[in-house]
C-alpha cells in the first residue's frame, strides 16, 4: 500500500526511530511498534489486509475525525494510535467513506498523525 503523510512531522515520526522514540518520551518499544505498523501498512495490498489484524484494532473515528480510522500503535491498553485516512487511486478522499464498501480497493492511505487519544 502507498502511504502519504499529512506533513513532514508525521513522516519523520513514522520513519525515523529517533523521532519516534522522542515522540513517545523515550519509549523505544512504542517507537519500534509504530515503525512496525507502518511497515505492515506498506506490505498490505489493500486496507482490508490491515482491518483483519486483530491486535491493530482498526476502528473508525467520529466527530471532527469522521472519515478517519485509527490503528493502535502497540495495544488497546496504550493510549497511542495512528490516525489514517483512506484515499482513492487519484489521492482523493472517499465521499462517503464507507469502509465496508471500499476496504478491498483502497491502496493508498494518508497518515494524519500519531495521537494520544486521552489528551
PDB file of N, CA and C in Angstrom:
ATOM      1  N   UNK A   1       0.843  -1.169   0.000  1.00  0.00           N
ATOM      2  CA  UNK A   1       0.000   0.000   0.000  1.00  0.00           C
ATOM      3  C   UNK A   1       0.897   1.244   0.000  1.00  0.00           C
ATOM      4  N   UNK A   2       0.405   2.275  -0.607  1.00  0.00           N
ATOM      5  CA  UNK A   2       1.128   3.539  -0.660  1.00  0.00           C
ATOM      6  C   UNK A   2       0.737   4.369   0.564  1.00  0.00           C
ATOM      7  N   UNK A   3       1.732   5.017   1.168  1.00  0.00           N
ATOM      8  CA  UNK A   3       1.484   5.867   2.330  1.00  0.00           C
ATOM      9  C   UNK A   3       1.871   7.298   1.992  1.00  0.00           C
ATOM     10  N   UNK A   4       0.947   8.194   2.246  1.00  0.00           N
ATOM     11  CA  UNK A   4       1.178   9.630   2.106  1.00  0.00           C
ATOM     12  C   UNK A   4       1.086  10.208   3.514  1.00  0.00           C
ATOM     13  N   UNK A   5       1.880  11.199   3.798  1.00  0.00           N
ATOM     14  CA  UNK A   5       1.871  11.806   5.135  1.00  0.00           C
ATOM     15  C   UNK A   5       1.262  13.201   5.081  1.00  0.00           C
ATOM     16  N   UNK A   6       0.503  13.527   6.108  1.00  0.00           N
ATOM     17  CA  UNK A   6      -0.146  14.842   6.218  1.00  0.00           C
ATOM     18  C   UNK A   6       0.901  15.958   6.206  1.00  0.00           C
ATOM     19  N   UNK A   7       2.030  15.700   6.867  1.00  0.00           N
ATOM     20  CA  UNK A   7       3.083  16.709   6.951  1.00  0.00           C
ATOM     21  C   UNK A   7       4.423  16.035   7.233  1.00  0.00           C
ATOM     22  N   UNK A   8       5.485  16.818   7.182  1.00  0.00           N
ATOM     23  CA  UNK A   8       6.839  16.293   7.394  1.00  0.00           C
ATOM     24  C   UNK A   8       7.013  15.746   8.814  1.00  0.00           C
ATOM     25  N   UNK A   9       6.378  16.380   9.779  1.00  0.00           N
ATOM     26  CA  UNK A   9       6.495  15.928  11.168  1.00  0.00           C
ATOM     27  C   UNK A   9       5.976  14.494  11.312  1.00  0.00           C
ATOM     28  N   UNK A  10       4.807  14.231  10.775  1.00  0.00           N
ATOM     29  CA  UNK A  10       4.236  12.874  10.841  1.00  0.00           C
ATOM     30  C   UNK A  10       5.126  11.884  10.096  1.00  0.00           C
ATOM     31  N   UNK A  11       5.665  12.303   8.961  1.00  0.00           N
ATOM     32  CA  UNK A  11       6.531  11.416   8.194  1.00  0.00           C
ATOM     33  C   UNK A  11       7.790  11.050   8.982  1.00  0.00           C
ATOM     34  N   UNK A  12       8.418  12.037   9.607  1.00  0.00           N
ATOM     35  CA  UNK A  12       9.623  11.770  10.396  1.00  0.00           C
ATOM     36  C   UNK A  12       9.304  10.843  11.568  1.00  0.00           C
ATOM     37  N   UNK A  13       8.187  11.085  12.247  1.00  0.00           N
ATOM     38  CA  UNK A  13       7.824  10.254  13.394  1.00  0.00           C
ATOM     39  C   UNK A  13       7.553   8.810  12.989  1.00  0.00           C
ATOM     40  N   UNK A  14       7.075   8.611  11.777  1.00  0.00           N
ATOM     41  CA  UNK A  14       6.718   7.270  11.309  1.00  0.00           C
ATOM     42  C   UNK A  14       7.851   6.542  10.594  1.00  0.00           C
ATOM     43  N   UNK A  15       8.936   7.244  10.293  1.00  0.00           N
ATOM     44  CA  UNK A  15      10.003   6.626   9.505  1.00  0.00           C
ATOM     45  C   UNK A  15      11.383   6.692  10.145  1.00  0.00           C
ATOM     46  N   UNK A  16      11.486   7.417  11.240  1.00  0.00           N
ATOM     47  CA  UNK A  16      12.786   7.619  11.874  1.00  0.00           C
ATOM     48  C   UNK A  16      12.701   7.173  13.325  1.00  0.00           C
ATOM     49  N   UNK A  17      13.479   6.174  13.707  1.00  0.00           N
ATOM     50  CA  UNK A  17      13.412   5.617  15.060  1.00  0.00           C
ATOM     51  C   UNK A  17      13.706   6.672  16.121  1.00  0.00           C
ATOM     52  N   UNK A  18      14.635   7.569  15.839  1.00  0.00           N
ATOM     53  CA  UNK A  18      14.982   8.619  16.804  1.00  0.00           C
ATOM     54  C   UNK A  18      13.786   9.557  17.038  1.00  0.00           C
ATOM     55  N   UNK A  19      13.128   9.972  15.947  1.00  0.00           N
ATOM     56  CA  UNK A  19      11.966  10.862  16.066  1.00  0.00           C
ATOM     57  C   UNK A  19      10.795  10.154  16.749  1.00  0.00           C
ATOM     58  N   UNK A  20      10.605   8.882  16.424  1.00  0.00           N
ATOM     59  CA  UNK A  20       9.522   8.115  17.042  1.00  0.00           C
ATOM     60  C   UNK A  20       9.768   7.944  18.538  1.00  0.00           C
ATOM     61  N   UNK A  21      10.999   7.650  18.914  1.00  0.00           N
ATOM     62  CA  UNK A  21      11.339   7.491  20.330  1.00  0.00           C
ATOM     63  C   UNK A  21      11.113   8.800  21.080  1.00  0.00           C
ATOM     64  N   UNK A  22      11.477   9.900  20.451  1.00  0.00           N
ATOM     65  CA  UNK A  22      11.261  11.224  21.045  1.00  0.00           C
ATOM     66  C   UNK A  22       9.764  11.484  21.249  1.00  0.00           C
ATOM     67  N   UNK A  23       8.964  11.141  20.263  1.00  0.00           N
ATOM     68  CA  UNK A  23       7.506  11.314  20.346  1.00  0.00           C
ATOM     69  C   UNK A  23       6.937  10.596  21.573  1.00  0.00           C
ATOM     70  N   UNK A  24       7.440   9.404  21.835  1.00  0.00           N
ATOM     71  CA  UNK A  24       6.928   8.588  22.932  1.00  0.00           C
ATOM     72  C   UNK A  24       7.699   8.785  24.231  1.00  0.00           C
ATOM     73  N   UNK A  25       8.351   9.913  24.373  1.00  0.00           N
ATOM     74  CA  UNK A  25       9.040  10.234  25.617  1.00  0.00           C
ATOM     75  C   UNK A  25      10.166   9.282  25.960  1.00  0.00           C
ATOM     76  N   UNK A  26      10.846   8.766  24.947  1.00  0.00           N
ATOM     77  CA  UNK A  26      11.970   7.870  25.167  1.00  0.00           C
ATOM     78  C   UNK A  26      11.609   6.396  25.165  1.00  0.00           C
ATOM     79  N   UNK A  27      10.343   6.076  24.977  1.00  0.00           N
ATOM     80  CA  UNK A  27       9.900   4.680  24.988  1.00  0.00           C
ATOM     81  C   UNK A  27      10.204   4.040  23.625  1.00  0.00           C
ATOM     82  N   UNK A  28      11.292   3.302  23.574  1.00  0.00           N
ATOM     83  CA  UNK A  28      11.741   2.694  22.321  1.00  0.00           C
ATOM     84  C   UNK A  28      10.813   1.565  21.881  1.00  0.00           C
ATOM     85  N   UNK A  29      10.168   0.880  22.837  1.00  0.00           N
ATOM     86  CA  UNK A  29       9.235  -0.197  22.498  1.00  0.00           C
ATOM     87  C   UNK A  29       8.064   0.346  21.686  1.00  0.00           C
ATOM     88  N   UNK A  30       7.507   1.475  22.121  1.00  0.00           N
ATOM     89  CA  UNK A  30       6.416   2.101  21.362  1.00  0.00           C
ATOM     90  C   UNK A  30       6.914   2.570  19.999  1.00  0.00           C
ATOM     91  N   UNK A  31       8.115   3.122  19.963  1.00  0.00           N
ATOM     92  CA  UNK A  31       8.685   3.601  18.697  1.00  0.00           C
ATOM     93  C   UNK A  31       8.832   2.454  17.700  1.00  0.00           C
ATOM     94  N   UNK A  32       9.353   1.336  18.162  1.00  0.00           N
ATOM     95  CA  UNK A  32       9.503   0.174  17.278  1.00  0.00           C
ATOM     96  C   UNK A  32       8.155  -0.366  16.824  1.00  0.00           C
ATOM     97  N   UNK A  33       7.173  -0.328  17.715  1.00  0.00           N
ATOM     98  CA  UNK A  33       5.830  -0.785  17.360  1.00  0.00           C
ATOM     99  C   UNK A  33       5.222   0.108  16.281  1.00  0.00           C
ATOM    100  N   UNK A  34       5.411   1.427  16.407  1.00  0.00           N
ATOM    101  CA  UNK A  34       4.904   2.355  15.387  1.00  0.00           C
ATOM    102  C   UNK A  34       5.545   2.062  14.035  1.00  0.00           C
ATOM    103  N   UNK A  35       6.865   1.928  14.013  1.00  0.00           N
ATOM    104  CA  UNK A  35       7.544   1.644  12.752  1.00  0.00           C
ATOM    105  C   UNK A  35       7.106   0.300  12.172  1.00  0.00           C
ATOM    106  N   UNK A  36       6.803  -0.634  13.034  1.00  0.00           N
ATOM    107  CA  UNK A  36       6.291  -1.934  12.591  1.00  0.00           C
ATOM    108  C   UNK A  36       4.903  -1.793  11.959  1.00  0.00           C
ATOM    109  N   UNK A  37       4.065  -0.956  12.542  1.00  0.00           N
ATOM    110  CA  UNK A  37       2.725  -0.714  11.972  1.00  0.00           C
ATOM    111  C   UNK A  37       2.842  -0.077  10.587  1.00  0.00           C
ATOM    112  N   UNK A  38       3.774   0.843  10.443  1.00  0.00           N
ATOM    113  CA  UNK A  38       3.996   1.491   9.146  1.00  0.00           C
ATOM    114  C   UNK A  38       4.460   0.457   8.122  1.00  0.00           C
ATOM    115  N   UNK A  39       5.355  -0.429   8.517  1.00  0.00           N
ATOM    116  CA  UNK A  39       5.823  -1.480   7.607  1.00  0.00           C
ATOM    117  C   UNK A  39       4.669  -2.409   7.220  1.00  0.00           C
ATOM    118  N   UNK A  40       3.786  -2.701   8.161  1.00  0.00           N
ATOM    119  CA  UNK A  40       2.619  -3.539   7.860  1.00  0.00           C
ATOM    120  C   UNK A  40       1.719  -2.844   6.840  1.00  0.00           C
ATOM    121  N   UNK A  41       1.528  -1.540   6.992  1.00  0.00           N
ATOM    122  CA  UNK A  41       0.738  -0.793   6.012  1.00  0.00           C
ATOM    123  C   UNK A  41       1.386  -0.861   4.635  1.00  0.00           C
ATOM    124  N   UNK A  42       2.678  -0.664   4.585  1.00  0.00           N
ATOM    125  CA  UNK A  42       3.398  -0.711   3.303  1.00  0.00           C
ATOM    126  C   UNK A  42       3.274  -2.089   2.651  1.00  0.00           C
ATOM    127  N   UNK A  43       3.317  -3.133   3.466  1.00  0.00           N
ATOM    128  CA  UNK A  43       3.271  -4.506   2.944  1.00  0.00           C
ATOM    129  C   UNK A  43       1.878  -4.943   2.500  1.00  0.00           C
ATOM    130  N   UNK A  44       0.865  -4.296   3.023  1.00  0.00           N
ATOM    131  CA  UNK A  44      -0.511  -4.666   2.678  1.00  0.00           C
ATOM    132  C   UNK A  44      -0.825  -4.288   1.238  1.00  0.00           C
ATOM    133  N   UNK A  45      -1.631  -5.101   0.582  1.00  0.00           N
ATOM    134  CA  UNK A  45      -2.081  -4.753  -0.766  1.00  0.00           C
ATOM    135  C   UNK A  45      -3.218  -3.746  -0.707  1.00  0.00           C
ATOM    136  N   UNK A  46      -4.179  -4.022   0.169  1.00  0.00           N
ATOM    137  CA  UNK A  46      -5.337  -3.151   0.351  1.00  0.00           C
ATOM    138  C   UNK A  46      -5.587  -2.979   1.850  1.00  0.00           C
ATOM    139  N   UNK A  47      -6.377  -1.992   2.193  1.00  0.00           N
ATOM    140  CA  UNK A  47      -6.604  -1.688   3.602  1.00  0.00           C
ATOM    141  C   UNK A  47      -7.306  -2.829   4.350  1.00  0.00           C
ATOM    142  N   UNK A  48      -8.031  -3.649   3.636  1.00  0.00           N
ATOM    143  CA  UNK A  48      -8.686  -4.777   4.297  1.00  0.00           C
ATOM    144  C   UNK A  48      -7.663  -5.735   4.916  1.00  0.00           C
ATOM    145  N   UNK A  49      -6.477  -5.810   4.337  1.00  0.00           N
ATOM    146  CA  UNK A  49      -5.417  -6.641   4.905  1.00  0.00           C
ATOM    147  C   UNK A  49      -5.045  -6.174   6.313  1.00  0.00           C
ATOM    148  N   UNK A  50      -5.192  -4.892   6.574  1.00  0.00           N
ATOM    149  CA  UNK A  50      -4.904  -4.314   7.891  1.00  0.00           C
ATOM    150  C   UNK A  50      -6.114  -4.469   8.817  1.00  0.00           C
ATOM    151  N   UNK A  51      -7.289  -4.273   8.284  1.00  0.00           N
ATOM    152  CA  UNK A  51      -8.521  -4.369   9.089  1.00  0.00           C
ATOM    153  C   UNK A  51      -8.646  -5.711   9.799  1.00  0.00           C
ATOM    154  N   UNK A  52      -8.176  -6.769   9.178  1.00  0.00           N
ATOM    155  CA  UNK A  52      -8.383  -8.112   9.725  1.00  0.00           C
ATOM    156  C   UNK A  52      -7.344  -8.507  10.776  1.00  0.00           C
ATOM    157  N   UNK A  53      -6.328  -7.685  10.988  1.00  0.00           N
ATOM    158  CA  UNK A  53      -5.317  -7.987  12.007  1.00  0.00           C
ATOM    159  C   UNK A  53      -5.840  -7.496  13.355  1.00  0.00           C
ATOM    160  N   UNK A  54      -6.324  -8.412  14.158  1.00  0.00           N
ATOM    161  CA  UNK A  54      -6.988  -8.073  15.427  1.00  0.00           C
ATOM    162  C   UNK A  54      -6.167  -7.173  16.346  1.00  0.00           C
ATOM    163  N   UNK A  55      -4.870  -7.445  16.581  1.00  0.00           N
ATOM    164  CA  UNK A  55      -4.108  -6.586  17.505  1.00  0.00           C
ATOM    165  C   UNK A  55      -4.008  -5.121  17.058  1.00  0.00           C
ATOM    166  N   UNK A  56      -4.220  -4.857  15.768  1.00  0.00           N
ATOM    167  CA  UNK A  56      -4.169  -3.474  15.288  1.00  0.00           C
ATOM    168  C   UNK A  56      -5.408  -2.688  15.725  1.00  0.00           C
ATOM    169  N   UNK A  57      -6.484  -3.394  15.998  1.00  0.00           N
ATOM    170  CA  UNK A  57      -7.756  -2.795  16.421  1.00  0.00           C
ATOM    171  C   UNK A  57      -8.137  -1.611  15.505  1.00  0.00           C
ATOM    172  N   UNK A  58      -8.211  -1.887  14.235  1.00  0.00           N
ATOM    173  CA  UNK A  58      -8.615  -0.900  13.229  1.00  0.00           C
ATOM    174  C   UNK A  58     -10.042  -0.460  13.552  1.00  0.00           C
ATOM    175  N   UNK A  59     -10.254   0.837  13.731  1.00  0.00           N
ATOM    176  CA  UNK A  59     -11.601   1.314  14.050  1.00  0.00           C
ATOM    177  C   UNK A  59     -11.823   2.721  13.493  1.00  0.00           C
ATOM    178  N   UNK A  60     -13.107   2.997  13.211  1.00  0.00           N
ATOM    179  CA  UNK A  60     -13.449   4.300  12.653  1.00  0.00           C
ATOM    180  C   UNK A  60     -13.529   5.337  13.760  1.00  0.00           C
ATOM    181  N   UNK A  61     -13.335   6.586  13.366  1.00  0.00           N
ATOM    182  CA  UNK A  61     -13.397   7.703  14.297  1.00  0.00           C
ATOM    183  C   UNK A  61     -14.629   8.548  13.989  1.00  0.00           C
ATOM    184  N   UNK A  62     -15.020   9.365  14.930  1.00  0.00           N
ATOM    185  CA  UNK A  62     -16.238  10.171  14.793  1.00  0.00           C
ATOM    186  C   UNK A  62     -15.925  11.640  15.054  1.00  0.00           C
ATOM    187  N   UNK A  63     -16.938  12.453  14.969  1.00  0.00           N
ATOM    188  CA  UNK A  63     -16.780  13.888  15.228  1.00  0.00           C
ATOM    189  C   UNK A  63     -15.920  14.551  14.181  1.00  0.00           C
ATOM    190  N   UNK A  64     -14.950  15.337  14.629  1.00  0.00           N
ATOM    191  CA  UNK A  64     -14.045  16.042  13.717  1.00  0.00           C
ATOM    192  C   UNK A  64     -13.182  15.092  12.904  1.00  0.00           C
ATOM    193  N   UNK A  65     -13.115  13.842  13.334  1.00  0.00           N
ATOM    194  CA  UNK A  65     -12.292  12.851  12.652  1.00  0.00           C
ATOM    195  C   UNK A  65     -13.122  11.867  11.822  1.00  0.00           C
ATOM    196  N   UNK A  66     -14.350  12.231  11.510  1.00  0.00           N
ATOM    197  CA  UNK A  66     -15.183  11.363  10.675  1.00  0.00           C
ATOM    198  C   UNK A  66     -14.492  11.177   9.319  1.00  0.00           C
ATOM    199  N   UNK A  67     -14.424   9.932   8.853  1.00  0.00           N
ATOM    200  CA  UNK A  67     -13.719   9.627   7.611  1.00  0.00           C
ATOM    201  C   UNK A  67     -12.288   9.173   7.851  1.00  0.00           C
ATOM    202  N   UNK A  68     -11.854   9.263   9.114  1.00  0.00           N
ATOM    203  CA  UNK A  68     -10.533   8.779   9.508  1.00  0.00           C
ATOM    204  C   UNK A  68     -10.687   7.493  10.298  1.00  0.00           C
ATOM    205  N   UNK A  69      -9.595   6.750  10.379  1.00  0.00           N
ATOM    206  CA  UNK A  69      -9.582   5.485  11.115  1.00  0.00           C
ATOM    207  C   UNK A  69      -8.337   5.450  11.971  1.00  0.00           C
ATOM    208  N   UNK A  70      -8.388   4.642  13.015  1.00  0.00           N
ATOM    209  CA  UNK A  70      -7.252   4.542  13.922  1.00  0.00           C
ATOM    210  C   UNK A  70      -6.763   3.106  14.005  1.00  0.00           C
ATOM    211  N   UNK A  71      -5.486   2.980  14.220  1.00  0.00           N
ATOM    212  CA  UNK A  71      -4.827   1.703  14.484  1.00  0.00           C
ATOM    213  C   UNK A  71      -4.060   1.899  15.787  1.00  0.00           C
ATOM    214  N   UNK A  72      -4.202   0.973  16.714  1.00  0.00           N
ATOM    215  CA  UNK A  72      -3.425   1.061  17.946  1.00  0.00           C
ATOM    216  C   UNK A  72      -1.940   0.938  17.626  1.00  0.00           C
ATOM    217  N   UNK A  73      -1.138   1.812  18.217  1.00  0.00           N
ATOM    218  CA  UNK A  73       0.301   1.766  17.979  1.00  0.00           C
ATOM    219  C   UNK A  73       0.902   0.490  18.562  1.00  0.00           C
ATOM    220  N   UNK A  74       0.477   0.129  19.758  1.00  0.00           N
ATOM    221  CA  UNK A  74       1.014  -1.090  20.361  1.00  0.00           C
ATOM    222  C   UNK A  74      -0.098  -2.041  20.779  1.00  0.00           C
ATOM    223  N   UNK A  75      -1.026  -1.557  21.607  1.00  0.00           N
ATOM    224  CA  UNK A  75      -2.125  -2.403  22.073  1.00  0.00           C
ATOM    225  C   UNK A  75      -3.282  -1.536  22.533  1.00  0.00           C
ATOM    226  N   UNK A  76      -4.379  -2.174  22.824  1.00  0.00           N
ATOM    227  CA  UNK A  76      -5.582  -1.466  23.272  1.00  0.00           C
ATOM    228  C   UNK A  76      -5.346  -0.724  24.592  1.00  0.00           C
ATOM    229  N   UNK A  77      -4.449  -1.244  25.405  1.00  0.00           N
ATOM    230  CA  UNK A  77      -4.212  -0.640  26.711  1.00  0.00           C
ATOM    231  C   UNK A  77      -3.325   0.602  26.650  1.00  0.00           C
ATOM    232  N   UNK A  78      -2.635   0.804  25.537  1.00  0.00           N
ATOM    233  CA  UNK A  78      -1.827   2.013  25.379  1.00  0.00           C
ATOM    234  C   UNK A  78      -2.693   3.128  24.803  1.00  0.00           C
ATOM    235  N   UNK A  79      -2.327   4.360  25.123  1.00  0.00           N
ATOM    236  CA  UNK A  79      -3.137   5.497  24.685  1.00  0.00           C
ATOM    237  C   UNK A  79      -2.833   5.964  23.267  1.00  0.00           C
ATOM    238  N   UNK A  80      -1.796   5.428  22.645  1.00  0.00           N
ATOM    239  CA  UNK A  80      -1.342   5.933  21.357  1.00  0.00           C
ATOM    240  C   UNK A  80      -2.014   5.216  20.193  1.00  0.00           C
ATOM    241  N   UNK A  81      -2.365   6.007  19.174  1.00  0.00           N
ATOM    242  CA  UNK A  81      -2.945   5.430  17.964  1.00  0.00           C
ATOM    243  C   UNK A  81      -2.460   6.191  16.734  1.00  0.00           C
ATOM    244  N   UNK A  82      -2.441   5.476  15.639  1.00  0.00           N
ATOM    245  CA  UNK A  82      -2.051   6.004  14.343  1.00  0.00           C
ATOM    246  C   UNK A  82      -3.332   6.363  13.597  1.00  0.00           C
ATOM    247  N   UNK A  83      -3.478   7.616  13.216  1.00  0.00           N
ATOM    248  CA  UNK A  83      -4.685   8.094  12.540  1.00  0.00           C
ATOM    249  C   UNK A  83      -4.434   8.102  11.036  1.00  0.00           C
ATOM    250  N   UNK A  84      -5.279   7.378  10.295  1.00  0.00           N
ATOM    251  CA  UNK A  84      -5.110   7.271   8.844  1.00  0.00           C
ATOM    252  C   UNK A  84      -6.428   7.592   8.125  1.00  0.00           C
ATOM    253  N   UNK A  85      -6.286   7.935   6.860  1.00  0.00           N
ATOM    254  CA  UNK A  85      -7.444   8.231   6.020  1.00  0.00           C
ATOM    255  C   UNK A  85      -7.279   7.499   4.689  1.00  0.00           C
ATOM    256  N   UNK A  86      -8.265   6.692   4.304  1.00  0.00           N
ATOM    257  CA  UNK A  86      -8.177   6.016   3.005  1.00  0.00           C
ATOM    258  C   UNK A  86      -8.352   7.005   1.860  1.00  0.00           C
ATOM    259  N   UNK A  87      -7.577   6.809   0.804  1.00  0.00           N
ATOM    260  CA  UNK A  87      -7.664   7.664  -0.382  1.00  0.00           C
ATOM    261  C   UNK A  87      -7.896   6.797  -1.616  1.00  0.00           C
ATOM    262  N   UNK A  88      -8.532   7.390  -2.629  1.00  0.00           N
ATOM    263  CA  UNK A  88      -8.744   6.641  -3.868  1.00  0.00           C
ATOM    264  C   UNK A  88      -7.464   6.662  -4.702  1.00  0.00           C
ATOM    265  N   UNK A  89      -7.520   6.056  -5.881  1.00  0.00           N
ATOM    266  CA  UNK A  89      -6.315   5.937  -6.709  1.00  0.00           C
ATOM    267  C   UNK A  89      -5.766   7.274  -7.190  1.00  0.00           C
ATOM    268  N   UNK A  90      -6.600   8.326  -7.137  1.00  0.00           N
ATOM    269  CA  UNK A  90      -6.148   9.662  -7.527  1.00  0.00           C
ATOM    270  C   UNK A  90      -5.712  10.497  -6.328  1.00  0.00           C
ATOM    271  N   UNK A  91      -5.738   9.889  -5.124  1.00  0.00           N
ATOM    272  CA  UNK A  91      -5.343  10.605  -3.915  1.00  0.00           C
ATOM    273  C   UNK A  91      -6.444  11.437  -3.295  1.00  0.00           C
ATOM    274  N   UNK A  92      -7.687  11.172  -3.705  1.00  0.00           N
ATOM    275  CA  UNK A  92      -8.832  11.915  -3.170  1.00  0.00           C
ATOM    276  C   UNK A  92      -9.498  11.147  -2.037  1.00  0.00           C
ATOM    277  N   UNK A  93     -10.160  11.878  -1.166  1.00  0.00           N
ATOM    278  CA  UNK A  93     -10.898  11.296  -0.045  1.00  0.00           C
ATOM    279  C   UNK A  93     -12.167  10.648  -0.576  1.00  0.00           C
ATOM    280  N   UNK A  94     -12.504   9.498  -0.031  1.00  0.00           N
ATOM    281  CA  UNK A  94     -13.761   8.841  -0.395  1.00  0.00           C
ATOM    282  C   UNK A  94     -14.928   9.572   0.264  1.00  0.00           C
ATOM    283  N   UNK A  95     -15.964   9.885  -0.534  1.00  0.00           N
ATOM    284  CA  UNK A  95     -17.184  10.510  -0.002  1.00  0.00           C
ATOM    285  C   UNK A  95     -18.373   9.796  -0.598  1.00  0.00           C
ATOM    286  N   UNK A  96     -19.134   9.080   0.181  1.00  0.00           N
ATOM    287  CA  UNK A  96     -18.942   8.826   1.607  1.00  0.00           C
ATOM    288  C   UNK A  96     -17.828   7.809   1.811  1.00  0.00           C
ATOM    289  N   UNK A  97     -17.321   7.762   3.011  1.00  0.00           N
ATOM    290  CA  UNK A  97     -16.220   6.847   3.337  1.00  0.00           C
ATOM    291  C   UNK A  97     -16.772   5.638   4.089  1.00  0.00           C
ATOM    292  N   UNK A  98     -17.421   4.752   3.353  1.00  0.00           N
ATOM    293  CA  UNK A  98     -17.968   3.532   3.943  1.00  0.00           C
ATOM    294  C   UNK A  98     -16.920   2.438   3.821  1.00  0.00           C
ATOM    295  N   UNK A  99     -16.216   2.174   4.911  1.00  0.00           N
ATOM    296  CA  UNK A  99     -15.074   1.262   4.877  1.00  0.00           C
ATOM    297  C   UNK A  99     -15.463  -0.135   4.425  1.00  0.00           C
ATOM    298  N   UNK A 100     -16.664  -0.575   4.743  1.00  0.00           N
ATOM    299  CA  UNK A 100     -17.089  -1.913   4.317  1.00  0.00           C
ATOM    300  C   UNK A 100     -17.169  -2.029   2.797  1.00  0.00           C
ATOM    301  N   UNK A 101     -17.472  -0.927   2.129  1.00  0.00           N
ATOM    302  CA  UNK A 101     -17.582  -0.929   0.672  1.00  0.00           C
ATOM    303  C   UNK A 101     -16.244  -0.706  -0.037  1.00  0.00           C
ATOM    304  N   UNK A 102     -15.326  -0.002   0.608  1.00  0.00           N
ATOM    305  CA  UNK A 102     -14.075   0.375  -0.068  1.00  0.00           C
ATOM    306  C   UNK A 102     -12.846  -0.408   0.384  1.00  0.00           C
ATOM    307  N   UNK A 103     -12.973  -1.195   1.436  1.00  0.00           N
ATOM    308  CA  UNK A 103     -11.802  -1.864   2.044  1.00  0.00           C
ATOM    309  C   UNK A 103     -11.016  -2.724   1.067  1.00  0.00           C
ATOM    310  N   UNK A 104     -11.687  -3.295   0.084  1.00  0.00           N
ATOM    311  CA  UNK A 104     -10.986  -4.188  -0.848  1.00  0.00           C
ATOM    312  C   UNK A 104     -10.343  -3.450  -2.026  1.00  0.00           C
ATOM    313  N   UNK A 105     -10.540  -2.122  -2.100  1.00  0.00           N
ATOM    314  CA  UNK A 105      -9.948  -1.367  -3.212  1.00  0.00           C
ATOM    315  C   UNK A 105      -8.974  -0.276  -2.773  1.00  0.00           C
ATOM    316  N   UNK A 106      -8.939   0.049  -1.484  1.00  0.00           N
ATOM    317  CA  UNK A 106      -8.067   1.125  -1.007  1.00  0.00           C
ATOM    318  C   UNK A 106      -6.613   0.664  -1.007  1.00  0.00           C
ATOM    319  N   UNK A 107      -5.800   1.331  -1.815  1.00  0.00           N
ATOM    320  CA  UNK A 107      -4.382   1.007  -1.921  1.00  0.00           C
ATOM    321  C   UNK A 107      -3.483   2.166  -1.479  1.00  0.00           C
ATOM    322  N   UNK A 108      -4.116   3.233  -1.017  1.00  0.00           N
ATOM    323  CA  UNK A 108      -3.387   4.410  -0.544  1.00  0.00           C
ATOM    324  C   UNK A 108      -4.029   4.918   0.733  1.00  0.00           C
ATOM    325  N   UNK A 109      -3.187   5.248   1.724  1.00  0.00           N
ATOM    326  CA  UNK A 109      -3.686   5.874   2.945  1.00  0.00           C
ATOM    327  C   UNK A 109      -2.842   7.099   3.250  1.00  0.00           C
ATOM    328  N   UNK A 110      -3.485   8.053   3.890  1.00  0.00           N
ATOM    329  CA  UNK A 110      -2.766   9.232   4.362  1.00  0.00           C
ATOM    330  C   UNK A 110      -2.648   9.119   5.873  1.00  0.00           C
ATOM    331  N   UNK A 111      -1.433   9.245   6.380  1.00  0.00           N
ATOM    332  CA  UNK A 111      -1.220   9.276   7.824  1.00  0.00           C
ATOM    333  C   UNK A 111      -1.398  10.724   8.256  1.00  0.00           C
ATOM    334  N   UNK A 112      -2.430  10.943   9.063  1.00  0.00           N
ATOM    335  CA  UNK A 112      -2.699  12.285   9.576  1.00  0.00           C
ATOM    336  C   UNK A 112      -1.782  12.607  10.742  1.00  0.00           C
ATOM    337  N   UNK A 113      -1.743  11.696  11.730  1.00  0.00           N
ATOM    338  CA  UNK A 113      -0.947  11.954  12.923  1.00  0.00           C
ATOM    339  C   UNK A 113      -0.850  10.705  13.780  1.00  0.00           C
ATOM    340  N   UNK A 114       0.018  10.771  14.746  1.00  0.00           N
ATOM    341  CA  UNK A 114       0.104   9.789  15.813  1.00  0.00           C
ATOM    342  C   UNK A 114      -0.371  10.547  17.033  1.00  0.00           C
ATOM    343  N   UNK A 115      -1.452  10.065  17.647  1.00  0.00           N
ATOM    344  CA  UNK A 115      -2.012  10.853  18.725  1.00  0.00           C
ATOM    345  C   UNK A 115      -2.256  10.026  19.976  1.00  0.00           C
ATOM    346  N   UNK A 116      -2.298  10.743  21.056  1.00  0.00           N
ATOM    347  CA  UNK A 116      -2.673  10.178  22.333  1.00  0.00           C
ATOM    348  C   UNK A 116      -4.130  10.563  22.519  1.00  0.00           C
ATOM    349  N   UNK A 117      -5.025   9.609  22.418  1.00  0.00           N
ATOM    350  CA  UNK A 117      -6.441   9.953  22.390  1.00  0.00           C
ATOM    351  C   UNK A 117      -7.023  10.281  23.759  1.00  0.00           C
ATOM    352  N   UNK A 118      -6.182  10.327  24.778  1.00  0.00           N
ATOM    353  CA  UNK A 118      -6.657  10.759  26.096  1.00  0.00           C
ATOM    354  C   UNK A 118      -6.287  12.200  26.386  1.00  0.00           C
ATOM    355  N   UNK A 119      -5.612  12.843  25.454  1.00  0.00           N
ATOM    356  CA  UNK A 119      -5.209  14.249  25.672  1.00  0.00           C
ATOM    357  C   UNK A 119      -6.156  15.181  24.986  1.00  0.00           C
TER     358      UNK A 119
END
